[in-house]
Structures are given as structure tokens and as C-alpha cells.
Amino acid sequence: MSNHYQHIFFDLDHTLWDFDSNTEAVMQQLYADYHLARLGVPSFELLMEQFKLVNYALWDQYNKGEIGKEDIRATRFPRVLHNLGVADSSVTKEMGEDFLYRS
């Protein structure tokens, strides 16, 4: 039995799927939906800046074999909000799940 593929798509230049733009749109939704300004996140721009720093560092660790994908999912949003001085981290698990669902 052999598998025959009719089409294979490679998105080398982000023309079919722009991960960065999609991530930014999802993060804007999360900022609003979780009322992060009320929790102490001063602006969406600071949230996005911190998200990129944390996310890229975690993926770098993953690519080096130091952590697994579950570690990224479990620690990404708690670190972001902690780095922004948010003491109430009760929303981080749900935010992480929403991020994956919406991305």
C-alpha cells in the first residue's frame, strides 16, 4: 500500500500563514478578553514584547532538547505575567489553552 499525495505546501516566506501576525492578533484578543489592564499589564505592547522574549527563549530551550512542548505550554503565560509584575496568575492556564485554540 502506498500513499500518494496530490499537494504539498511549504510556506517558506510566511505567505500562506503569517505566524507573527496571527500571534499578535490572538494576543490582542487575550489582552482584552482577560482584562489584563485591570490585572496590572499597562499596555498590549508591553505584553507582546514580554511574550516574544519568553516564547522565543522557551522555544530555544526546546530546540536544544532541554525542555518539552508541555513545559512551554505550562510556563509560557505564567512567566510572561510574572515578568510584567502581575501577582494574580489564576488566568494563566486558561490563557495558555485559549492561545493554542485560537492560534
PDB file of N, CA and C in Angstrom:
ATOM      1  N   MET A   1       0.840  -1.176   0.000  1.00  0.00           N
ATOM      2  CA  MET A   1       0.000   0.000   0.000  1.00  0.00           C
ATOM      3  C   MET A   1       0.883   1.237   0.000  1.00  0.00           C
ATOM      4  N   SER A   2       0.671   2.123  -0.918  1.00  0.00           N
ATOM      5  CA  SER A   2       1.473   3.345  -0.958  1.00  0.00           C
ATOM      6  C   SER A   2       0.565   4.558  -0.845  1.00  0.00           C
ATOM      7  N   ASN A   3       1.111   5.576  -0.243  1.00  0.00           N
ATOM      8  CA  ASN A   3       0.382   6.838  -0.104  1.00  0.00           C
ATOM      9  C   ASN A   3       0.774   7.758  -1.248  1.00  0.00           C
ATOM     10  N   HIS A   4      -0.214   8.349  -1.850  1.00  0.00           N
ATOM     11  CA  HIS A   4       0.048   9.308  -2.928  1.00  0.00           C
ATOM     12  C   HIS A   4      -0.493  10.666  -2.504  1.00  0.00           C
ATOM     13  N   TYR A   5       0.390  11.609  -2.456  1.00  0.00           N
ATOM     14  CA  TYR A   5      -0.008  12.964  -2.090  1.00  0.00           C
ATOM     15  C   TYR A   5      -0.224  13.759  -3.368  1.00  0.00           C
ATOM     16  N   GLN A   6      -1.313  14.484  -3.392  1.00  0.00           N
ATOM     17  CA  GLN A   6      -1.576  15.320  -4.550  1.00  0.00           C
ATOM     18  C   GLN A   6      -0.914  16.684  -4.408  1.00  0.00           C
ATOM     19  N   HIS A   7      -0.868  17.186  -3.169  1.00  0.00           N
ATOM     20  CA  HIS A   7      -0.318  18.525  -2.949  1.00  0.00           C
ATOM     21  C   HIS A   7       0.491  18.548  -1.654  1.00  0.00           C
ATOM     22  N   ILE A   8       1.580  19.232  -1.693  1.00  0.00           N
ATOM     23  CA  ILE A   8       2.366  19.522  -0.503  1.00  0.00           C
ATOM     24  C   ILE A   8       2.688  21.001  -0.550  1.00  0.00           C
ATOM     25  N   PHE A   9       2.355  21.701   0.520  1.00  0.00           N
ATOM     26  CA  PHE A   9       2.598  23.135   0.581  1.00  0.00           C
ATOM     27  C   PHE A   9       3.724  23.430   1.568  1.00  0.00           C
ATOM     28  N   PHE A  10       4.630  24.260   1.154  1.00  0.00           N
ATOM     29  CA  PHE A  10       5.685  24.766   2.022  1.00  0.00           C
ATOM     30  C   PHE A  10       5.530  26.275   2.088  1.00  0.00           C
ATOM     31  N   ASP A  11       5.473  26.791   3.279  1.00  0.00           N
ATOM     32  CA  ASP A  11       5.290  28.224   3.460  1.00  0.00           C
ATOM     33  C   ASP A  11       6.609  28.825   3.952  1.00  0.00           C
ATOM     34  N   LEU A  12       7.580  28.868   3.097  1.00  0.00           N
ATOM     35  CA  LEU A  12       8.916  29.312   3.479  1.00  0.00           C
ATOM     36  C   LEU A  12       8.999  30.801   3.774  1.00  0.00           C
ATOM     37  N   ASP A  13       8.136  31.579   3.178  1.00  0.00           N
ATOM     38  CA  ASP A  13       8.225  33.026   3.377  1.00  0.00           C
ATOM     39  C   ASP A  13       6.996  33.608   4.067  1.00  0.00           C
ATOM     40  N   HIS A  14       6.234  32.766   4.761  1.00  0.00           N
ATOM     41  CA  HIS A  14       5.060  33.195   5.523  1.00  0.00           C
ATOM     42  C   HIS A  14       3.985  33.833   4.651  1.00  0.00           C
ATOM     43  N   THR A  15       3.864  33.397   3.409  1.00  0.00           N
ATOM     44  CA  THR A  15       2.824  33.956   2.554  1.00  0.00           C
ATOM     45  C   THR A  15       1.481  33.269   2.778  1.00  0.00           C
ATOM     46  N   LEU A  16       1.492  31.998   3.107  1.00  0.00           N
ATOM     47  CA  LEU A  16       0.241  31.284   3.351  1.00  0.00           C
ATOM     48  C   LEU A  16      -0.223  31.449   4.797  1.00  0.00           C
ATOM     49  N   TRP A  17       0.686  31.447   5.716  1.00  0.00           N
ATOM     50  CA  TRP A  17       0.367  31.564   7.127  1.00  0.00           C
ATOM     51  C   TRP A  17       1.395  32.469   7.785  1.00  0.00           C
ATOM     52  N   ASP A  18       0.958  33.618   8.189  1.00  0.00           N
ATOM     53  CA  ASP A  18       1.849  34.575   8.842  1.00  0.00           C
ATOM     54  C   ASP A  18       1.729  34.380  10.352  1.00  0.00           C
ATOM     55  N   PHE A  19       2.602  33.563  10.888  1.00  0.00           N
ATOM     56  CA  PHE A  19       2.559  33.217  12.304  1.00  0.00           C
ATOM     57  C   PHE A  19       2.653  34.463  13.180  1.00  0.00           C
ATOM     58  N   ASP A  20       3.532  35.391  12.822  1.00  0.00           N
ATOM     59  CA  ASP A  20       3.729  36.582  13.656  1.00  0.00           C
ATOM     60  C   ASP A  20       2.473  37.436  13.722  1.00  0.00           C
ATOM     61  N   SER A  21       1.838  37.666  12.588  1.00  0.00           N
ATOM     62  CA  SER A  21       0.614  38.468  12.574  1.00  0.00           C
ATOM     63  C   SER A  21      -0.516  37.756  13.308  1.00  0.00           C
ATOM     64  N   ASN A  22      -0.617  36.456  13.095  1.00  0.00           N
ATOM     65  CA  ASN A  22      -1.646  35.679  13.782  1.00  0.00           C
ATOM     66  C   ASN A  22      -1.433  35.721  15.292  1.00  0.00           C
ATOM     67  N   THR A  23      -0.205  35.560  15.723  1.00  0.00           N
ATOM     68  CA  THR A  23       0.104  35.591  17.149  1.00  0.00           C
ATOM     69  C   THR A  23      -0.263  36.944  17.739  1.00  0.00           C
ATOM     70  N   GLU A  24       0.075  37.999  17.037  1.00  0.00           N
ATOM     71  CA  GLU A  24      -0.241  39.339  17.542  1.00  0.00           C
ATOM     72  C   GLU A  24      -1.757  39.541  17.658  1.00  0.00           C
ATOM     73  N   ALA A  25      -2.513  39.081  16.681  1.00  0.00           N
ATOM     74  CA  ALA A  25      -3.971  39.212  16.722  1.00  0.00           C
ATOM     75  C   ALA A  25      -4.556  38.422  17.896  1.00  0.00           C
ATOM     76  N   VAL A  26      -4.057  37.214  18.102  1.00  0.00           N
ATOM     77  CA  VAL A  26      -4.532  36.390  19.213  1.00  0.00           C
ATOM     78  C   VAL A  26      -4.180  37.041  20.546  1.00  0.00           C
ATOM     79  N   MET A  27      -2.983  37.562  20.655  1.00  0.00           N
ATOM     80  CA  MET A  27      -2.569  38.199  21.898  1.00  0.00           C
ATOM     81  C   MET A  27      -3.401  39.451  22.181  1.00  0.00           C
ATOM     82  N   GLN A  28      -3.787  40.192  21.155  1.00  0.00           N
ATOM     83  CA  GLN A  28      -4.673  41.347  21.349  1.00  0.00           C
ATOM     84  C   GLN A  28      -6.012  40.895  21.913  1.00  0.00           C
ATOM     85  N   GLN A  29      -6.532  39.795  21.382  1.00  0.00           N
ATOM     86  CA  GLN A  29      -7.792  39.259  21.885  1.00  0.00           C
ATOM     87  C   GLN A  29      -7.661  38.825  23.342  1.00  0.00           C
ATOM     88  N   LEU A  30      -6.568  38.149  23.657  1.00  0.00           N
ATOM     89  CA  LEU A  30      -6.361  37.700  25.033  1.00  0.00           C
ATOM     90  C   LEU A  30      -6.216  38.876  25.983  1.00  0.00           C
ATOM     91  N   TYR A  31      -5.505  39.913  25.562  1.00  0.00           N
ATOM     92  CA  TYR A  31      -5.325  41.114  26.393  1.00  0.00           C
ATOM     93  C   TYR A  31      -6.683  41.698  26.764  1.00  0.00           C
ATOM     94  N   ALA A  32      -7.571  41.763  25.775  1.00  0.00           N
ATOM     95  CA  ALA A  32      -8.910  42.317  26.024  1.00  0.00           C
ATOM     96  C   ALA A  32      -9.790  41.342  26.801  1.00  0.00           C
ATOM     97  N   ASP A  33      -9.833  40.087  26.361  1.00  0.00           N
ATOM     98  CA  ASP A  33     -10.747  39.106  26.959  1.00  0.00           C
ATOM     99  C   ASP A  33     -10.430  38.800  28.425  1.00  0.00           C
ATOM    100  N   TYR A  34      -9.160  38.835  28.784  1.00  0.00           N
ATOM    101  CA  TYR A  34      -8.762  38.536  30.156  1.00  0.00           C
ATOM    102  C   TYR A  34      -8.547  39.800  30.993  1.00  0.00           C
ATOM    103  N   HIS A  35      -8.925  40.935  30.446  1.00  0.00           N
ATOM    104  CA  HIS A  35      -8.864  42.220  31.163  1.00  0.00           C
ATOM    105  C   HIS A  35      -7.495  42.419  31.820  1.00  0.00           C
ATOM    106  N   LEU A  36      -6.460  42.219  31.024  1.00  0.00           N
ATOM    107  CA  LEU A  36      -5.103  42.265  31.585  1.00  0.00           C
ATOM    108  C   LEU A  36      -4.718  43.645  32.073  1.00  0.00           C
ATOM    109  N   ALA A  37      -5.324  44.678  31.530  1.00  0.00           N
ATOM    110  CA  ALA A  37      -5.048  46.027  32.039  1.00  0.00           C
ATOM    111  C   ALA A  37      -5.475  46.124  33.503  1.00  0.00           C
ATOM    112  N   ARG A  38      -6.605  45.516  33.847  1.00  0.00           N
ATOM    113  CA  ARG A  38      -7.093  45.526  35.238  1.00  0.00           C
ATOM    114  C   ARG A  38      -6.193  44.704  36.153  1.00  0.00           C
ATOM    115  N   LEU A  39      -5.502  43.711  35.569  1.00  0.00           N
ATOM    116  CA  LEU A  39      -4.590  42.890  36.376  1.00  0.00           C
ATOM    117  C   LEU A  39      -3.225  43.536  36.553  1.00  0.00           C
ATOM    118  N   GLY A  40      -3.001  44.649  35.837  1.00  0.00           N
ATOM    119  CA  GLY A  40      -1.747  45.373  36.006  1.00  0.00           C
ATOM    120  C   GLY A  40      -0.829  45.393  34.806  1.00  0.00           C
ATOM    121  N   VAL A  41      -1.252  44.836  33.671  1.00  0.00           N
ATOM    122  CA  VAL A  41      -0.436  44.906  32.455  1.00  0.00           C
ATOM    123  C   VAL A  41      -0.730  46.257  31.806  1.00  0.00           C
ATOM    124  N   PRO A  42       0.253  47.167  31.801  1.00  0.00           N
ATOM    125  CA  PRO A  42      -0.017  48.547  31.393  1.00  0.00           C
ATOM    126  C   PRO A  42      -0.432  48.740  29.930  1.00  0.00           C
ATOM    127  N   SER A  43       0.045  47.857  29.037  1.00  0.00           N
ATOM    128  CA  SER A  43      -0.305  48.035  27.627  1.00  0.00           C
ATOM    129  C   SER A  43      -0.154  46.724  26.870  1.00  0.00           C
ATOM    130  N   PHE A  44      -0.859  46.655  25.768  1.00  0.00           N
ATOM    131  CA  PHE A  44      -0.726  45.491  24.908  1.00  0.00           C
ATOM    132  C   PHE A  44       0.699  45.373  24.380  1.00  0.00           C
ATOM    133  N   GLU A  45       1.320  46.505  24.054  1.00  0.00           N
ATOM    134  CA  GLU A  45       2.676  46.486  23.506  1.00  0.00           C
ATOM    135  C   GLU A  45       3.663  45.843  24.471  1.00  0.00           C
ATOM    136  N   LEU A  46       3.539  46.155  25.761  1.00  0.00           N
ATOM    137  CA  LEU A  46       4.426  45.527  26.750  1.00  0.00           C
ATOM    138  C   LEU A  46       4.134  44.036  26.887  1.00  0.00           C
ATOM    139  N   LEU A  47       2.865  43.672  26.821  1.00  0.00           N
ATOM    140  CA  LEU A  47       2.511  42.251  26.854  1.00  0.00           C
ATOM    141  C   LEU A  47       3.152  41.524  25.680  1.00  0.00           C
ATOM    142  N   MET A  48       3.033  42.094  24.503  1.00  0.00           N
ATOM    143  CA  MET A  48       3.572  41.447  23.304  1.00  0.00           C
ATOM    144  C   MET A  48       5.093  41.354  23.361  1.00  0.00           C
ATOM    145  N   GLU A  49       5.721  42.396  23.826  1.00  0.00           N
ATOM    146  CA  GLU A  49       7.187  42.393  23.955  1.00  0.00           C
ATOM    147  C   GLU A  49       7.645  41.284  24.895  1.00  0.00           C
ATOM    148  N   GLN A  50       6.983  41.176  26.039  1.00  0.00           N
ATOM    149  CA  GLN A  50       7.354  40.161  27.018  1.00  0.00           C
ATOM    150  C   GLN A  50       7.029  38.765  26.508  1.00  0.00           C
ATOM    151  N   PHE A  51       5.889  38.629  25.813  1.00  0.00           N
ATOM    152  CA  PHE A  51       5.516  37.334  25.243  1.00  0.00           C
ATOM    153  C   PHE A  51       6.596  36.855  24.276  1.00  0.00           C
ATOM    154  N   LYS A  52       7.041  37.727  23.402  1.00  0.00           N
ATOM    155  CA  LYS A  52       8.070  37.337  22.424  1.00  0.00           C
ATOM    156  C   LYS A  52       9.353  36.899  23.124  1.00  0.00           C
ATOM    157  N   LEU A  53       9.782  37.651  24.117  1.00  0.00           N
ATOM    158  CA  LEU A  53      11.011  37.300  24.842  1.00  0.00           C
ATOM    159  C   LEU A  53      10.889  35.924  25.495  1.00  0.00           C
ATOM    160  N   VAL A  54       9.806  35.710  26.201  1.00  0.00           N
ATOM    161  CA  VAL A  54       9.607  34.439  26.904  1.00  0.00           C
ATOM    162  C   VAL A  54       9.414  33.302  25.909  1.00  0.00           C
ATOM    163  N   ASN A  55       8.565  33.506  24.928  1.00  0.00           N
ATOM    164  CA  ASN A  55       8.256  32.453  23.963  1.00  0.00           C
ATOM    165  C   ASN A  55       9.499  32.018  23.186  1.00  0.00           C
ATOM    166  N   TYR A  56      10.268  32.984  22.691  1.00  0.00           N
ATOM    167  CA  TYR A  56      11.476  32.638  21.929  1.00  0.00           C
ATOM    168  C   TYR A  56      12.494  31.921  22.804  1.00  0.00           C
ATOM    169  N   ALA A  57      12.630  32.347  24.069  1.00  0.00           N
ATOM    170  CA  ALA A  57      13.572  31.683  24.975  1.00  0.00           C
ATOM    171  C   ALA A  57      13.144  30.239  25.237  1.00  0.00           C
ATOM    172  N   LEU A  58      11.847  30.028  25.439  1.00  0.00           N
ATOM    173  CA  LEU A  58      11.355  28.666  25.675  1.00  0.00           C
ATOM    174  C   LEU A  58      11.550  27.783  24.448  1.00  0.00           C
ATOM    175  N   TRP A  59      11.244  28.314  23.258  1.00  0.00           N
ATOM    176  CA  TRP A  59      11.426  27.513  22.042  1.00  0.00           C
ATOM    177  C   TRP A  59      12.906  27.226  21.786  1.00  0.00           C
ATOM    178  N   ASP A  60      13.768  28.143  22.179  1.00  0.00           N
ATOM    179  CA  ASP A  60      15.202  27.898  22.059  1.00  0.00           C
ATOM    180  C   ASP A  60      15.611  26.727  22.956  1.00  0.00           C
ATOM    181  N   GLN A  61      15.097  26.710  24.185  1.00  0.00           N
ATOM    182  CA  GLN A  61      15.369  25.590  25.088  1.00  0.00           C
ATOM    183  C   GLN A  61      14.830  24.286  24.512  1.00  0.00           C
ATOM    184  N   TYR A  62      13.645  24.353  23.926  1.00  0.00           N
ATOM    185  CA  TYR A  62      13.050  23.167  23.316  1.00  0.00           C
ATOM    186  C   TYR A  62      13.926  22.651  22.171  1.00  0.00           C
ATOM    187  N   ASN A  63      14.364  23.548  21.318  1.00  0.00           N
ATOM    188  CA  ASN A  63      15.190  23.162  20.170  1.00  0.00           C
ATOM    189  C   ASN A  63      16.530  22.571  20.594  1.00  0.00           C
ATOM    190  N   LYS A  64      16.996  22.920  21.784  1.00  0.00           N
ATOM    191  CA  LYS A  64      18.242  22.358  22.318  1.00  0.00           C
ATOM    192  C   LYS A  64      17.996  21.048  23.068  1.00  0.00           C
ATOM    193  N   GLY A  65      16.730  20.637  23.155  1.00  0.00           N
ATOM    194  CA  GLY A  65      16.391  19.404  23.849  1.00  0.00           C
ATOM    195  C   GLY A  65      16.352  19.528  25.356  1.00  0.00           C
ATOM    196  N   GLU A  66      16.298  20.750  25.863  1.00  0.00           N
ATOM    197  CA  GLU A  66      16.324  20.970  27.306  1.00  0.00           C
ATOM    198  C   GLU A  66      14.941  20.868  27.956  1.00  0.00           C
ATOM    199  N   ILE A  67      13.900  21.135  27.196  1.00  0.00           N
ATOM    200  CA  ILE A  67      12.540  21.067  27.709  1.00  0.00           C
ATOM    201  C   ILE A  67      11.631  20.469  26.635  1.00  0.00           C
ATOM    202  N   GLY A  68      10.427  20.090  27.029  1.00  0.00           N
ATOM    203  CA  GLY A  68       9.446  19.566  26.089  1.00  0.00           C
ATOM    204  C   GLY A  68       8.370  20.594  25.782  1.00  0.00           C
ATOM    205  N   LYS A  69       7.509  20.254  24.846  1.00  0.00           N
ATOM    206  CA  LYS A  69       6.426  21.164  24.476  1.00  0.00           C
ATOM    207  C   LYS A  69       5.486  21.434  25.646  1.00  0.00           C
ATOM    208  N   GLU A  70       5.272  20.424  26.474  1.00  0.00           N
ATOM    209  CA  GLU A  70       4.400  20.631  27.633  1.00  0.00           C
ATOM    210  C   GLU A  70       4.985  21.660  28.593  1.00  0.00           C
ATOM    211  N   ASP A  71       6.318  21.706  28.670  1.00  0.00           N
ATOM    212  CA  ASP A  71       6.963  22.719  29.513  1.00  0.00           C
ATOM    213  C   ASP A  71       6.684  24.115  28.974  1.00  0.00           C
ATOM    214  N   ILE A  72       6.715  24.245  27.663  1.00  0.00           N
ATOM    215  CA  ILE A  72       6.408  25.543  27.050  1.00  0.00           C
ATOM    216  C   ILE A  72       4.985  25.942  27.395  1.00  0.00           C
ATOM    217  N   ARG A  73       4.067  25.024  27.202  1.00  0.00           N
ATOM    218  CA  ARG A  73       2.653  25.317  27.456  1.00  0.00           C
ATOM    219  C   ARG A  73       2.385  25.651  28.922  1.00  0.00           C
ATOM    220  N   ALA A  74       3.092  24.975  29.808  1.00  0.00           N
ATOM    221  CA  ALA A  74       2.843  25.165  31.242  1.00  0.00           C
ATOM    222  C   ALA A  74       3.476  26.437  31.797  1.00  0.00           C
ATOM    223  N   THR A  75       4.558  26.887  31.200  1.00  0.00           N
ATOM    224  CA  THR A  75       5.294  28.004  31.803  1.00  0.00           C
ATOM    225  C   THR A  75       5.216  29.319  31.030  1.00  0.00           C
ATOM    226  N   ARG A  76       4.800  29.284  29.782  1.00  0.00           N
ATOM    227  CA  ARG A  76       4.835  30.483  28.933  1.00  0.00           C
ATOM    228  C   ARG A  76       4.066  31.656  29.557  1.00  0.00           C
ATOM    229  N   PHE A  77       2.789  31.501  29.791  1.00  0.00           N
ATOM    230  CA  PHE A  77       1.997  32.621  30.292  1.00  0.00           C
ATOM    231  C   PHE A  77       2.269  32.967  31.750  1.00  0.00           C
ATOM    232  N   PRO A  78       2.523  31.991  32.630  1.00  0.00           N
ATOM    233  CA  PRO A  78       2.930  32.391  33.978  1.00  0.00           C
ATOM    234  C   PRO A  78       4.187  33.261  33.987  1.00  0.00           C
ATOM    235  N   ARG A  79       5.159  32.932  33.155  1.00  0.00           N
ATOM    236  CA  ARG A  79       6.386  33.748  33.092  1.00  0.00           C
ATOM    237  C   ARG A  79       6.116  35.138  32.538  1.00  0.00           C
ATOM    238  N   VAL A  80       5.322  35.194  31.494  1.00  0.00           N
ATOM    239  CA  VAL A  80       5.015  36.493  30.877  1.00  0.00           C
ATOM    240  C   VAL A  80       4.371  37.410  31.908  1.00  0.00           C
ATOM    241  N   LEU A  81       3.322  36.921  32.562  1.00  0.00           N
ATOM    242  CA  LEU A  81       2.622  37.779  33.520  1.00  0.00           C
ATOM    243  C   LEU A  81       3.475  38.087  34.742  1.00  0.00           C
ATOM    244  N   HIS A  82       4.252  37.110  35.199  1.00  0.00           N
ATOM    245  CA  HIS A  82       5.162  37.367  36.319  1.00  0.00           C
ATOM    246  C   HIS A  82       6.159  38.472  35.955  1.00  0.00           C
ATOM    247  N   ASN A  83       6.730  38.386  34.754  1.00  0.00           N
ATOM    248  CA  ASN A  83       7.704  39.395  34.316  1.00  0.00           C
ATOM    249  C   ASN A  83       7.088  40.786  34.194  1.00  0.00           C
ATOM    250  N   LEU A  84       5.778  40.840  34.019  1.00  0.00           N
ATOM    251  CA  LEU A  84       5.079  42.116  33.934  1.00  0.00           C
ATOM    252  C   LEU A  84       4.554  42.580  35.297  1.00  0.00           C
ATOM    253  N   GLY A  85       4.881  41.833  36.338  1.00  0.00           N
ATOM    254  CA  GLY A  85       4.512  42.231  37.693  1.00  0.00           C
ATOM    255  C   GLY A  85       3.096  41.890  38.099  1.00  0.00           C
ATOM    256  N   VAL A  86       2.464  40.972  37.391  1.00  0.00           N
ATOM    257  CA  VAL A  86       1.099  40.571  37.726  1.00  0.00           C
ATOM    258  C   VAL A  86       1.158  39.523  38.838  1.00  0.00           C
ATOM    259  N   ALA A  87       0.559  39.844  39.967  1.00  0.00           N
ATOM    260  CA  ALA A  87       0.575  38.924  41.105  1.00  0.00           C
ATOM    261  C   ALA A  87      -0.479  37.828  40.958  1.00  0.00           C
ATOM    262  N   ASP A  88      -1.603  38.135  40.330  1.00  0.00           N
ATOM    263  CA  ASP A  88      -2.697  37.173  40.166  1.00  0.00           C
ATOM    264  C   ASP A  88      -2.460  36.358  38.907  1.00  0.00           C
ATOM    265  N   SER A  89      -1.993  35.134  39.078  1.00  0.00           N
ATOM    266  CA  SER A  89      -1.696  34.287  37.928  1.00  0.00           C
ATOM    267  C   SER A  89      -2.787  33.249  37.677  1.00  0.00           C
ATOM    268  N   SER A  90      -3.968  33.469  38.240  1.00  0.00           N
ATOM    269  CA  SER A  90      -5.043  32.483  38.130  1.00  0.00           C
ATOM    270  C   SER A  90      -5.550  32.308  36.697  1.00  0.00           C
ATOM    271  N   VAL A  91      -5.300  33.275  35.837  1.00  0.00           N
ATOM    272  CA  VAL A  91      -5.799  33.195  34.455  1.00  0.00           C
ATOM    273  C   VAL A  91      -4.809  32.538  33.498  1.00  0.00           C
ATOM    274  N   THR A  92      -3.607  32.249  33.948  1.00  0.00           N
ATOM    275  CA  THR A  92      -2.561  31.825  33.012  1.00  0.00           C
ATOM    276  C   THR A  92      -2.846  30.488  32.343  1.00  0.00           C
ATOM    277  N   LYS A  93      -3.408  29.539  33.065  1.00  0.00           N
ATOM    278  CA  LYS A  93      -3.688  28.237  32.451  1.00  0.00           C
ATOM    279  C   LYS A  93      -4.737  28.371  31.354  1.00  0.00           C
ATOM    280  N   GLU A  94      -5.810  29.079  31.652  1.00  0.00           N
ATOM    281  CA  GLU A  94      -6.865  29.271  30.659  1.00  0.00           C
ATOM    282  C   GLU A  94      -6.363  30.101  29.471  1.00  0.00           C
ATOM    283  N   MET A  95      -5.547  31.112  29.741  1.00  0.00           N
ATOM    284  CA  MET A  95      -4.972  31.910  28.654  1.00  0.00           C
ATOM    285  C   MET A  95      -4.129  31.044  27.736  1.00  0.00           C
ATOM    286  N   GLY A  96      -3.329  30.177  28.325  1.00  0.00           N
ATOM    287  CA  GLY A  96      -2.490  29.288  27.534  1.00  0.00           C
ATOM    288  C   GLY A  96      -3.308  28.374  26.646  1.00  0.00           C
ATOM    289  N   GLU A  97      -4.386  27.841  27.183  1.00  0.00           N
ATOM    290  CA  GLU A  97      -5.259  26.975  26.397  1.00  0.00           C
ATOM    291  C   GLU A  97      -5.952  27.764  25.290  1.00  0.00           C
ATOM    292  N   ASP A  98      -6.412  28.968  25.626  1.00  0.00           N
ATOM    293  CA  ASP A  98      -7.041  29.826  24.605  1.00  0.00           C
ATOM    294  C   ASP A  98      -6.066  30.197  23.498  1.00  0.00           C
ATOM    295  N   PHE A  99      -4.829  30.483  23.905  1.00  0.00           N
ATOM    296  CA  PHE A  99      -3.815  30.833  22.898  1.00  0.00           C
ATOM    297  C   PHE A  99      -3.644  29.707  21.893  1.00  0.00           C
ATOM    298  N   LEU A 100      -3.523  28.490  22.385  1.00  0.00           N
ATOM    299  CA  LEU A 100      -3.359  27.344  21.485  1.00  0.00           C
ATOM    300  C   LEU A 100      -4.591  27.132  20.616  1.00  0.00           C
ATOM    301  N   TYR A 101      -5.758  27.294  21.187  1.00  0.00           N
ATOM    302  CA  TYR A 101      -7.004  27.099  20.441  1.00  0.00           C
ATOM    303  C   TYR A 101      -7.169  28.146  19.343  1.00  0.00           C
ATOM    304  N   ARG A 102      -6.832  29.390  19.672  1.00  0.00           N
ATOM    305  CA  ARG A 102      -7.053  30.490  18.723  1.00  0.00           C
ATOM    306  C   ARG A 102      -5.943  30.627  17.693  1.00  0.00           C
ATOM    307  N   SER A 103      -4.780  30.087  17.981  1.00  0.00           N
ATOM    308  CA  SER A 103      -3.625  30.256  17.069  1.00  0.00           C
ATOM    309  C   SER A 103      -3.747  29.392  15.841  1.00  0.00           C
TER     310      SER A 103
END
